[in-house]
Amino acid sequence: MNKWMALAAASSAIVLARGVASAGTPGWCKDAAKGSPDMGDLQSKDAGKVIKAFVNAECNPNPEVEAHRADIEAARAAWGKRLGMSEGDWADAAAWAKANDYDIKPDMSTKKLVEMTPIDQWGAIEKAGDDIQGPMDPMYLADVFDAKLSEVGRIALITACMRDMSEIVWAACQDDVDKIDYNRLYDQLRADSNHNGEIRQKIRILAYELPAKIKEHQAKVVKLKGDDPGWKKAWDIAGKARADWTGIADKNQKYLALAAEMESATLAKSRSMFEDCDKKTYAALGEAVTSQVPAKAFDKMRDVRDDPFKGFAYKALPVAMKHTAVNLASIAVVLCKQREPLVKVLGGALSSTPSLRGPRNFAISKMADASIQLDDMSKKIFWPKVRHPYESGNYLSSAGAQIKSIKKDGDHLVVESAPMIITTDDCVAEHTSNKIERVHDDGRVDYERICDKTAKVKHDISWAPFQISLNYEKVLKPGQVFSSTYGSGGADIIAIWSGPNANAPMWLLGGTLK
């Protein structure tokens, strides 16, 4: 069989719906590059080579092409169908064929994540996958898009997920693999007029190559689930979590939108997009606390006088972050960066608890909560580290006391704490013996000290006066007990109790507790 017979057979006798060969060069060739057609490339398994060969054959025909025009048109129709291309889409192919594929990258048409076009989404997720030091990983970014994630953006996500070495990521992305809709993808590409034909065609070729990669990936998944029931459990939990997220998202649209607004500003590094963010983000955090968090969740949690790193913030904030609205509003407050001490504490709380940013991270959190174990004791589960845009670290520190007095001093409040009296058994009378305990480098000598009498002695171990941000002037009153961020002036208030005998706080992160 010669190459033209093979080409005709490969086309499956498909002809263009708009009619078989016509004389002349198609209108979509007007910007095509000049070049000699290589008909051998029409039989290549490389989609890119085939497309370039078709463009050259149509736009730069020679006698050999004209002699086999019908076969070439039939083959082009078959390939066009595989790539979801209409006749007009071949202009995109012509533009792509004369460019260096590696250099083809989309220019973002908007800085706002929720307004990104399908190709914008693809470019953003691709960049997140390539930029390992960036503020968001592909799954986090896809969670920001959530229900607005396009099929074009989804292929970038699927590619990134399959490339990841964590089976937990594979499970979290399985729903995306299952629901990819190529027909919708082709329609979205065609409708995205904010970008040029080069990038549209590049993505069509990537989409054409994806099913084979998915098939190979799915074979690995089937083997994993068949080899160990622990992996089957992981996939089952992830699937249910993805299904449950839809209802959760419906109830938290306000907080999802606010978080996305701050994430957009963060990626864009836009001063104007952050304007007046403190007022709305902090108010949203208070509303979320009031609507979702019961006071009893923090029963008997208090600061520890001698250990600020194991106090109220350490115990309570991870509990608060398990509530979706509080988690999302905290992300917005943290990214706003107007309350620096609170930003560090909330960032520490967010990074020490499973992310609830969207369906994929929610699936990971549910798998983590389930304490999945593999039957094969020689193997371990690799839990992915989520790249998120907020600061993380061991910042869950806090300190507090009962308020004795409050006074304004310049740009902060001076809060004096009530006496904190403890009673200890102290030595009140002693003498020294002739026994040497230590000789110092400078020649001084310490002699043994012997206690002659002990007694109960009271000590005031209250903190020095706190410097608190003026933001909390209206919520603090003498007699209350408070917990604040630790280690800086202009501290932020985390929680307030009505008095020293209250078991649970009445106020937390700007919200009233019930």
Protein backbone atom coordinates (compact mmCIF):
# COMPACT_ATOMS: atom_id res chain seq x y z
CA MET A 1 0.00 0.00 0.00
CA ASN A 2 1.54 3.34 -1.00
CA LYS A 3 1.46 6.41 1.25
CA TRP A 4 -1.58 7.84 -0.49
CA MET A 5 -3.57 4.61 -0.12
CA ALA A 6 -2.51 4.44 3.53
CA LEU A 7 -3.54 8.04 4.01
CA ALA A 8 -6.92 7.43 2.44
CA ALA A 9 -7.46 4.35 4.61
CA ALA A 10 -6.44 6.24 7.75
CA SER A 11 -9.05 8.87 7.03
CA SER A 12 -11.77 6.20 7.27
CA ALA A 13 -13.27 7.63 4.09
CA ILE A 14 -14.32 10.75 5.99
CA VAL A 15 -14.71 13.81 3.81
CA LEU A 16 -15.24 17.38 4.80
CA ALA A 17 -18.84 18.13 5.59
CA ARG A 18 -18.44 21.29 3.58
CA GLY A 19 -17.55 19.35 0.40
CA VAL A 20 -14.57 17.59 -1.11
CA ALA A 21 -11.53 19.28 -2.62
CA SER A 22 -12.00 22.66 -4.11
CA ALA A 23 -9.49 24.55 -6.17
CA GLY A 24 -7.52 27.37 -4.61
CA THR A 25 -6.02 28.11 -1.21
CA PRO A 26 -8.40 28.28 1.81
CA GLY A 27 -9.03 31.67 3.34
CA TRP A 28 -7.58 30.55 6.67
CA CYS A 29 -4.15 30.30 5.00
CA LYS A 30 -3.74 34.04 4.66
CA ASP A 31 -1.33 34.30 7.61
CA ALA A 32 0.31 30.89 7.19
CA ALA A 33 4.06 30.57 6.86
CA LYS A 34 5.64 29.63 3.55
CA GLY A 35 7.08 26.13 3.40
CA SER A 36 7.30 22.98 1.35
CA PRO A 37 4.79 20.30 2.38
CA ASP A 38 6.28 17.06 3.71
CA MET A 39 3.72 14.43 2.88
CA GLY A 40 5.55 11.79 4.88
CA ASP A 41 4.54 13.63 8.08
CA LEU A 42 0.87 13.00 7.30
CA GLN A 43 1.38 9.42 8.48
CA SER A 44 3.18 10.41 11.70
CA LYS A 45 1.79 9.47 15.13
CA ASP A 46 2.83 12.92 16.34
CA ALA A 47 -0.27 15.11 16.11
CA GLY A 48 1.83 18.24 15.85
CA LYS A 49 3.73 17.00 12.81
CA VAL A 50 0.50 15.92 11.14
CA ILE A 51 -1.16 19.32 11.69
CA LYS A 52 1.84 21.17 10.31
CA ALA A 53 1.87 18.87 7.28
CA PHE A 54 -1.81 19.60 6.61
CA VAL A 55 -1.24 23.35 6.93
CA ASN A 56 1.68 23.22 4.49
CA ALA A 57 -0.26 21.01 2.07
CA GLU A 58 -3.26 23.36 2.05
CA CYS A 59 -1.42 26.66 2.15
CA ASN A 60 1.63 25.80 0.04
CA PRO A 61 0.35 23.11 -2.40
CA ASN A 62 2.61 21.51 -4.98
CA PRO A 63 1.76 19.16 -7.88
CA GLU A 64 2.01 16.10 -5.65
CA VAL A 65 -0.54 17.59 -3.25
CA GLU A 66 -2.90 18.56 -6.07
CA ALA A 67 -2.72 15.05 -7.49
CA HIS A 68 -3.92 13.58 -4.19
CA ARG A 69 -6.14 16.43 -3.01
CA ALA A 70 -9.18 14.25 -2.26
CA ASP A 71 -7.18 11.86 -0.05
CA ILE A 72 -5.55 14.75 1.82
CA GLU A 73 -8.91 16.46 2.40
CA ALA A 74 -10.44 13.25 3.69
CA ALA A 75 -7.53 12.72 6.08
CA ARG A 76 -7.68 16.35 7.22
CA ALA A 77 -11.40 15.94 7.94
CA ALA A 78 -10.63 12.88 10.09
CA TRP A 79 -7.93 14.71 12.03
CA GLY A 80 -10.10 17.78 12.40
CA LYS A 81 -12.79 15.62 13.98
CA ARG A 82 -10.28 14.11 16.40
CA LEU A 83 -9.18 17.57 17.51
CA GLY A 84 -12.68 19.06 17.61
CA MET A 85 -11.87 21.52 14.82
CA SER A 86 -14.26 23.26 12.48
CA GLU A 87 -13.01 24.52 9.12
CA GLY A 88 -12.52 27.99 10.58
CA ASP A 89 -10.36 26.57 13.39
CA TRP A 90 -7.65 25.71 10.86
CA ALA A 91 -6.64 29.37 11.00
CA ASP A 92 -5.53 28.58 14.55
CA ALA A 93 -3.51 25.65 13.19
CA ALA A 94 -1.85 27.90 10.62
CA ALA A 95 -0.88 30.39 13.33
CA TRP A 96 0.43 27.62 15.58
CA ALA A 97 2.40 25.95 12.77
CA LYS A 98 4.64 28.97 12.20
CA ALA A 99 5.41 29.51 15.91
CA ASN A 100 7.71 27.72 18.33
CA ASP A 101 5.33 25.66 20.46
CA TYR A 102 7.46 26.08 23.60
CA ASP A 103 7.20 29.86 23.34
CA ILE A 104 3.41 29.86 23.03
CA LYS A 105 1.99 31.02 26.35
CA PRO A 106 -1.27 32.84 27.05
CA ASP A 107 -1.36 36.45 28.16
CA MET A 108 -3.83 36.77 31.02
CA SER A 109 -6.91 38.76 30.04
CA THR A 110 -7.81 39.56 33.67
CA LYS A 111 -6.20 39.66 37.11
CA LYS A 112 -9.34 38.38 38.83
CA LEU A 113 -9.36 34.61 39.23
CA VAL A 114 -13.14 34.31 39.19
CA GLU A 115 -13.31 36.21 35.89
CA MET A 116 -10.64 34.20 34.07
CA THR A 117 -11.53 32.75 30.68
CA PRO A 118 -10.95 29.04 29.98
CA ILE A 119 -7.53 29.72 28.46
CA ASP A 120 -6.65 32.07 31.34
CA GLN A 121 -7.42 29.21 33.71
CA TRP A 122 -5.26 26.81 31.71
CA GLY A 123 -2.36 29.27 31.78
CA ALA A 124 -2.72 29.96 35.50
CA ILE A 125 -2.79 26.27 36.43
CA GLU A 126 0.13 25.50 34.11
CA LYS A 127 2.16 28.29 35.73
CA ALA A 128 1.26 27.04 39.20
CA GLY A 129 2.57 23.60 38.25
CA ASP A 130 5.82 24.97 36.84
CA ASP A 131 6.46 27.54 39.57
CA ILE A 132 7.22 25.28 42.56
CA GLN A 133 7.97 28.33 44.70
CA GLY A 134 4.73 30.05 43.77
CA PRO A 135 1.99 30.80 46.28
CA MET A 136 -0.50 28.19 45.02
CA ASP A 137 -0.24 24.67 43.63
CA PRO A 138 -2.47 23.51 40.73
CA MET A 139 -5.02 21.83 43.02
CA TYR A 140 -5.36 24.90 45.24
CA LEU A 141 -5.85 27.10 42.19
CA ALA A 142 -8.42 24.70 40.72
CA ASP A 143 -10.25 24.83 44.05
CA VAL A 144 -10.39 28.62 43.75
CA PHE A 145 -12.09 28.22 40.36
CA ASP A 146 -14.29 25.43 41.82
CA ALA A 147 -17.59 25.19 39.90
CA LYS A 148 -16.29 27.73 37.38
CA LEU A 149 -13.37 25.51 36.42
CA SER A 150 -13.51 25.12 32.65
CA GLU A 151 -12.70 21.95 30.74
CA VAL A 152 -9.71 23.80 29.30
CA GLY A 153 -8.45 24.52 32.81
CA ARG A 154 -9.26 20.96 33.85
CA ILE A 155 -6.84 19.40 31.35
CA ALA A 156 -4.01 21.44 32.88
CA LEU A 157 -5.08 20.23 36.33
CA ILE A 158 -5.35 16.57 35.28
CA THR A 159 -1.90 16.75 33.72
CA ALA A 160 -0.44 18.22 36.93
CA CYS A 161 -2.23 15.66 39.12
CA MET A 162 -1.03 12.68 37.08
CA ARG A 163 2.50 14.07 37.22
CA ASP A 164 2.37 14.25 41.03
CA MET A 165 3.97 11.36 42.90
CA SER A 166 1.32 11.29 45.65
CA GLU A 167 -1.47 8.74 45.31
CA ILE A 168 -3.53 10.95 47.64
CA VAL A 169 -3.41 13.67 44.98
CA TRP A 170 -4.50 11.11 42.38
CA ALA A 171 -7.52 10.21 44.52
CA ALA A 172 -8.42 13.88 45.07
CA CYS A 173 -8.28 14.52 41.29
CA GLN A 174 -10.13 11.38 40.22
CA ASP A 175 -13.41 13.25 39.80
CA ASP A 176 -11.72 15.59 37.31
CA VAL A 177 -10.39 12.63 35.33
CA ASP A 178 -13.86 11.07 35.28
CA LYS A 179 -15.75 14.16 34.18
CA ILE A 180 -13.49 15.70 31.52
CA ASP A 181 -15.71 16.62 28.57
CA TYR A 182 -13.74 17.10 25.35
CA ASN A 183 -16.67 18.44 23.33
CA ARG A 184 -17.22 21.19 25.86
CA LEU A 185 -13.47 21.83 25.86
CA TYR A 186 -13.45 22.38 22.08
CA ASP A 187 -16.44 24.71 22.34
CA GLN A 188 -14.77 26.69 25.14
CA LEU A 189 -11.57 27.06 23.15
CA ARG A 190 -13.45 28.29 20.09
CA ALA A 191 -15.44 30.81 22.14
CA ASP A 192 -12.40 32.22 23.99
CA SER A 193 -11.73 35.19 21.73
CA ASN A 194 -9.51 36.88 24.32
CA HIS A 195 -6.57 34.80 23.11
CA ASN A 196 -4.91 34.12 19.77
CA GLY A 197 -5.12 31.05 17.60
CA GLU A 198 -1.65 29.80 18.51
CA ILE A 199 -2.59 28.97 22.08
CA ARG A 200 -5.97 27.53 21.11
CA GLN A 201 -4.31 25.06 18.76
CA LYS A 202 -1.61 24.18 21.26
CA ILE A 203 -4.28 23.22 23.79
CA ARG A 204 -6.24 21.22 21.19
CA ILE A 205 -3.16 19.10 20.56
CA LEU A 206 -2.59 18.62 24.31
CA ALA A 207 -6.23 17.58 24.67
CA TYR A 208 -5.84 15.09 21.81
CA GLU A 209 -2.82 13.50 23.56
CA LEU A 210 -4.46 13.38 27.00
CA PRO A 211 -6.71 10.26 26.68
CA ALA A 212 -3.74 7.95 26.10
CA LYS A 213 -2.01 9.39 29.17
CA ILE A 214 -5.19 9.01 31.22
CA LYS A 215 -5.52 5.38 30.12
CA GLU A 216 -2.00 4.64 31.32
CA HIS A 217 -2.62 6.49 34.56
CA GLN A 218 -5.91 4.71 35.22
CA ALA A 219 -4.20 1.35 34.83
CA LYS A 220 -1.94 2.34 37.73
CA VAL A 221 -4.97 3.38 39.78
CA VAL A 222 -6.78 0.09 39.14
CA LYS A 223 -3.68 -1.84 40.20
CA LEU A 224 -3.27 0.25 43.37
CA LYS A 225 -6.87 -0.31 44.46
CA GLY A 226 -6.67 -3.99 43.62
CA ASP A 227 -3.39 -4.54 45.45
CA ASP A 228 -4.34 -2.85 48.73
CA PRO A 229 -7.78 -2.19 50.29
CA GLY A 230 -6.33 0.92 51.92
CA TRP A 231 -6.07 2.62 48.56
CA LYS A 232 -9.60 1.60 47.63
CA LYS A 233 -10.79 3.23 50.85
CA ALA A 234 -8.88 6.41 49.98
CA TRP A 235 -10.55 6.65 46.57
CA ASP A 236 -13.99 5.95 48.08
CA ILE A 237 -13.55 8.69 50.70
CA ALA A 238 -12.28 11.17 48.12
CA GLY A 239 -15.22 10.45 45.83
CA LYS A 240 -17.76 11.02 48.58
CA ALA A 241 -16.00 14.20 49.71
CA ARG A 242 -16.04 15.61 46.19
CA ALA A 243 -19.78 14.90 45.99
CA ASP A 244 -20.42 16.45 49.43
CA TRP A 245 -18.50 19.61 48.61
CA THR A 246 -21.18 20.88 46.24
CA GLY A 247 -23.62 21.34 49.11
CA ILE A 248 -20.95 22.85 51.33
CA ALA A 249 -19.98 25.34 48.62
CA ASP A 250 -23.61 26.37 48.11
CA LYS A 251 -23.80 27.37 51.78
CA ASN A 252 -20.53 29.31 51.75
CA GLN A 253 -20.61 31.27 48.50
CA LYS A 254 -20.00 34.59 50.25
CA TYR A 255 -16.84 33.36 51.94
CA LEU A 256 -15.58 31.54 48.84
CA ALA A 257 -15.95 34.73 46.81
CA LEU A 258 -14.17 36.81 49.45
CA ALA A 259 -11.26 34.38 49.67
CA ALA A 260 -10.98 34.37 45.86
CA GLU A 261 -10.96 38.16 45.83
CA MET A 262 -7.97 38.26 48.16
CA GLU A 263 -6.24 35.42 46.31
CA SER A 264 -6.63 37.37 43.07
CA ALA A 265 -5.07 40.43 44.67
CA THR A 266 -2.21 38.29 45.99
CA LEU A 267 -1.39 36.77 42.60
CA ALA A 268 -1.77 40.11 40.84
CA LYS A 269 0.25 41.96 43.51
CA SER A 270 -2.30 44.74 43.06
CA ARG A 271 -2.49 47.52 45.63
CA SER A 272 -5.88 48.68 44.38
CA MET A 273 -7.37 45.18 44.72
CA PHE A 274 -6.41 45.18 48.42
CA GLU A 275 -7.97 48.58 49.10
CA ASP A 276 -10.20 48.64 52.23
CA CYS A 277 -9.84 44.88 52.61
CA ASP A 278 -9.48 44.87 56.40
CA LYS A 279 -12.98 46.09 57.11
CA LYS A 280 -14.76 43.54 54.94
CA THR A 281 -12.52 40.54 55.64
CA TYR A 282 -12.48 40.96 59.41
CA ALA A 283 -16.24 41.57 59.49
CA ALA A 284 -16.74 38.39 57.46
CA LEU A 285 -14.58 36.43 59.89
CA GLY A 286 -16.69 37.62 62.82
CA GLU A 287 -19.91 36.71 61.00
CA ALA A 288 -18.54 33.25 60.20
CA VAL A 289 -17.60 32.64 63.84
CA THR A 290 -21.01 33.76 65.08
CA SER A 291 -22.93 31.66 62.56
CA GLN A 292 -20.92 28.43 62.74
CA VAL A 293 -18.96 28.08 65.98
CA PRO A 294 -20.54 27.16 69.36
CA ALA A 295 -18.98 28.60 72.51
CA LYS A 296 -18.84 25.16 74.13
CA ALA A 297 -16.26 24.08 71.53
CA PHE A 298 -13.71 26.02 73.59
CA ASP A 299 -14.88 25.02 77.05
CA LYS A 300 -12.10 25.38 79.66
CA MET A 301 -9.48 26.37 77.09
CA ARG A 302 -7.28 29.14 78.48
CA ASP A 303 -3.84 30.62 78.08
CA VAL A 304 -0.98 29.11 80.05
CA ARG A 305 0.98 31.73 81.98
CA ASP A 306 4.33 29.99 81.70
CA ASP A 307 3.93 28.60 78.17
CA PRO A 308 2.46 31.00 75.56
CA PHE A 309 3.09 28.38 72.86
CA LYS A 310 0.63 25.90 74.35
CA GLY A 311 -2.10 28.32 75.33
CA PHE A 312 -5.52 29.27 73.99
CA ALA A 313 -4.48 29.89 70.37
CA TYR A 314 -2.69 26.54 70.19
CA LYS A 315 -5.73 24.67 71.52
CA ALA A 316 -8.64 26.62 70.08
CA LEU A 317 -7.80 27.96 66.63
CA PRO A 318 -7.33 24.55 64.94
CA VAL A 319 -10.82 23.71 66.25
CA ALA A 320 -12.23 26.92 64.75
CA MET A 321 -10.55 26.25 61.39
CA LYS A 322 -12.56 23.04 60.95
CA HIS A 323 -15.61 25.21 60.23
CA THR A 324 -15.64 25.97 56.51
CA ALA A 325 -16.80 29.60 56.68
CA VAL A 326 -14.26 30.41 59.42
CA ASN A 327 -11.52 28.71 57.42
CA LEU A 328 -12.34 30.65 54.25
CA ALA A 329 -12.78 33.99 56.03
CA SER A 330 -9.47 33.43 57.83
CA ILE A 331 -7.76 32.99 54.45
CA ALA A 332 -9.19 36.36 53.39
CA VAL A 333 -8.02 38.09 56.59
CA VAL A 334 -4.56 36.56 56.29
CA LEU A 335 -4.13 37.61 52.65
CA CYS A 336 -5.38 41.12 53.41
CA LYS A 337 -2.35 41.44 55.77
CA GLN A 338 -3.66 44.42 57.71
CA ARG A 339 -3.49 42.83 61.17
CA GLU A 340 0.06 41.49 61.21
CA PRO A 341 0.05 39.67 64.59
CA LEU A 342 -3.31 38.04 63.79
CA VAL A 343 -2.14 37.15 60.27
CA LYS A 344 0.68 35.05 61.74
CA VAL A 345 -1.58 33.27 64.22
CA LEU A 346 -4.31 32.54 61.67
CA GLY A 347 -1.71 31.48 59.12
CA GLY A 348 -0.31 29.04 61.67
CA ALA A 349 -3.80 27.69 62.38
CA LEU A 350 -4.63 27.28 58.68
CA SER A 351 -1.36 25.54 57.90
CA SER A 352 -1.67 23.15 60.84
CA THR A 353 -5.13 21.90 59.87
CA PRO A 354 -6.47 20.25 56.67
CA SER A 355 -7.34 22.79 53.99
CA LEU A 356 -11.00 23.46 53.24
CA ARG A 357 -10.37 25.74 50.28
CA GLY A 358 -12.31 23.64 47.76
CA PRO A 359 -13.35 20.14 46.66
CA ARG A 360 -9.90 18.67 46.11
CA ASN A 361 -8.40 19.96 49.35
CA PHE A 362 -11.60 18.97 51.14
CA ALA A 363 -11.15 15.44 49.79
CA ILE A 364 -7.59 15.37 51.11
CA SER A 365 -8.77 16.58 54.54
CA LYS A 366 -11.38 13.82 54.67
CA MET A 367 -8.82 11.19 53.74
CA ALA A 368 -6.55 12.54 56.48
CA ASP A 369 -9.36 12.48 59.05
CA ALA A 370 -10.07 8.83 58.19
CA SER A 371 -6.56 7.77 59.29
CA ILE A 372 -6.21 5.48 56.28
CA GLN A 373 -3.74 2.64 56.72
CA LEU A 374 -2.31 0.42 54.02
CA ASP A 375 -2.51 -3.31 54.49
CA ASP A 376 1.09 -3.60 53.27
CA MET A 377 3.05 -2.53 56.37
CA SER A 378 6.22 -1.97 54.32
CA LYS A 379 4.60 0.91 52.41
CA LYS A 380 3.64 4.37 53.57
CA ILE A 381 1.16 6.95 52.40
CA PHE A 382 2.78 10.13 51.12
CA TRP A 383 0.66 13.10 52.15
CA PRO A 384 1.16 16.08 49.85
CA LYS A 385 2.21 19.46 51.15
CA VAL A 386 -0.29 21.98 49.85
CA ARG A 387 1.18 25.20 48.49
CA HIS A 388 -1.08 27.94 49.76
CA PRO A 389 -0.81 31.74 49.60
CA TYR A 390 -0.81 32.39 53.35
CA GLU A 391 2.09 32.46 55.75
CA SER A 392 2.61 29.33 57.77
CA GLY A 393 4.75 28.31 60.70
CA ASN A 394 4.69 27.75 64.42
CA TYR A 395 2.81 30.93 65.25
CA LEU A 396 0.05 29.49 67.44
CA SER A 397 1.13 31.46 70.49
CA SER A 398 -1.01 33.62 72.75
CA ALA A 399 -1.08 35.24 76.17
CA GLY A 400 -3.78 36.88 78.24
CA ALA A 401 -5.14 37.84 81.63
CA GLN A 402 -8.02 39.46 83.47
CA ILE A 403 -8.26 43.17 82.71
CA LYS A 404 -7.62 45.62 85.56
CA SER A 405 -7.57 48.81 83.50
CA ILE A 406 -7.46 50.09 79.93
CA LYS A 407 -6.06 53.37 78.72
CA LYS A 408 -5.30 54.80 75.31
CA ASP A 409 -1.69 55.68 74.63
CA GLY A 410 -1.01 57.06 71.16
CA ASP A 411 -1.57 54.38 68.54
CA HIS A 412 -2.34 51.54 70.96
CA LEU A 413 -4.14 50.54 74.14
CA VAL A 414 -2.27 49.84 77.37
CA VAL A 415 -4.08 47.01 79.13
CA GLU A 416 -3.00 46.36 82.71
CA SER A 417 -3.77 42.91 84.00
CA ALA A 418 -5.31 42.17 87.38
CA PRO A 419 -3.00 40.60 89.96
CA MET A 420 -2.35 36.92 89.35
CA ILE A 421 -1.50 35.60 92.78
CA ILE A 422 0.11 32.24 93.42
CA THR A 423 1.25 30.79 96.73
CA THR A 424 4.52 28.88 97.01
CA ASP A 425 6.56 27.28 99.76
CA ASP A 426 9.53 29.61 100.06
CA CYS A 427 12.60 29.57 102.26
CA VAL A 428 12.31 32.56 104.63
CA ALA A 429 15.37 31.90 106.79
CA GLU A 430 18.72 30.32 105.80
CA HIS A 431 22.42 30.08 106.58
CA THR A 432 25.56 29.06 104.71
CA SER A 433 27.94 26.26 105.62
CA ASN A 434 31.65 25.96 104.99
CA LYS A 435 31.06 23.50 102.12
CA ILE A 436 32.06 24.93 98.74
CA GLU A 437 29.49 24.39 95.99
CA ARG A 438 31.14 26.25 93.13
CA VAL A 439 34.24 28.30 92.28
CA HIS A 440 33.71 30.87 89.49
CA ASP A 441 36.26 31.75 86.81
CA ASP A 442 36.84 35.13 88.45
CA GLY A 443 37.68 33.50 91.81
CA ARG A 444 34.35 34.00 93.53
CA VAL A 445 33.25 31.13 95.75
CA ASP A 446 29.67 29.92 96.37
CA TYR A 447 29.08 28.12 99.66
CA GLU A 448 26.27 25.69 100.41
CA ARG A 449 23.05 27.44 101.50
CA ILE A 450 20.88 25.63 104.02
CA CYS A 451 17.23 26.58 104.57
CA ASP A 452 16.24 26.93 108.24
CA LYS A 453 12.57 27.85 107.79
CA THR A 454 9.92 27.67 105.05
CA ALA A 455 6.59 29.47 104.81
CA LYS A 456 3.68 30.01 102.43
CA VAL A 457 4.42 33.15 100.40
CA LYS A 458 2.15 34.88 97.88
CA HIS A 459 3.55 36.19 94.57
CA ASP A 460 2.02 38.30 91.82
CA ILE A 461 3.02 36.69 88.51
CA SER A 462 0.79 38.86 86.33
CA TRP A 463 2.08 39.95 82.92
CA ALA A 464 3.53 43.37 82.36
CA PRO A 465 0.98 45.70 80.73
CA PHE A 466 -0.12 44.56 77.26
CA GLN A 467 0.04 46.81 74.20
CA ILE A 468 -3.14 46.11 72.23
CA SER A 469 -4.21 47.45 68.83
CA LEU A 470 -6.73 50.29 68.88
CA ASN A 471 -8.99 48.09 66.71
CA TYR A 472 -10.27 46.50 69.92
CA GLU A 473 -10.99 49.63 71.97
CA LYS A 474 -14.76 49.08 71.89
CA VAL A 475 -14.78 45.39 72.82
CA LEU A 476 -12.49 45.36 75.87
CA LYS A 477 -13.75 46.19 79.38
CA PRO A 478 -12.24 45.93 82.88
CA GLY A 479 -13.08 42.64 84.58
CA GLN A 480 -13.02 40.63 81.35
CA VAL A 481 -10.42 37.99 80.57
CA PHE A 482 -8.76 38.16 77.17
CA SER A 483 -6.37 36.19 75.00
CA SER A 484 -4.14 38.09 72.58
CA THR A 485 -1.39 37.39 70.09
CA TYR A 486 1.97 37.02 71.77
CA GLY A 487 5.36 38.57 71.13
CA SER A 488 4.65 41.97 69.59
CA GLY A 489 3.34 45.41 70.36
CA GLY A 490 -0.05 46.37 68.97
CA ALA A 491 -1.28 42.84 69.63
CA ASP A 492 -4.57 41.54 68.25
CA ILE A 493 -7.27 40.11 70.48
CA ILE A 494 -8.14 36.47 69.82
CA ALA A 495 -10.83 35.79 72.45
CA ILE A 496 -12.67 37.43 75.36
CA TRP A 497 -14.34 35.85 78.43
CA SER A 498 -16.92 37.67 80.54
CA GLY A 499 -14.84 37.08 83.68
CA PRO A 500 -12.38 34.75 85.40
CA ASN A 501 -15.06 32.17 86.23
CA ALA A 502 -16.43 31.79 82.68
CA ASN A 503 -15.69 28.38 81.18
CA ALA A 504 -16.06 29.41 77.55
CA PRO A 505 -15.28 32.68 75.73
CA MET A 506 -18.11 34.99 74.75
CA TRP A 507 -16.19 36.52 71.79
CA LEU A 508 -13.77 35.04 69.27
CA LEU A 509 -12.05 36.60 66.25
CA GLY A 510 -14.56 39.40 65.94
CA GLY A 511 -17.66 37.25 66.44
CA THR A 512 -20.03 36.74 69.34
CA LEU A 513 -20.22 33.15 70.57
CA LYS A 514 -23.43 31.51 71.69
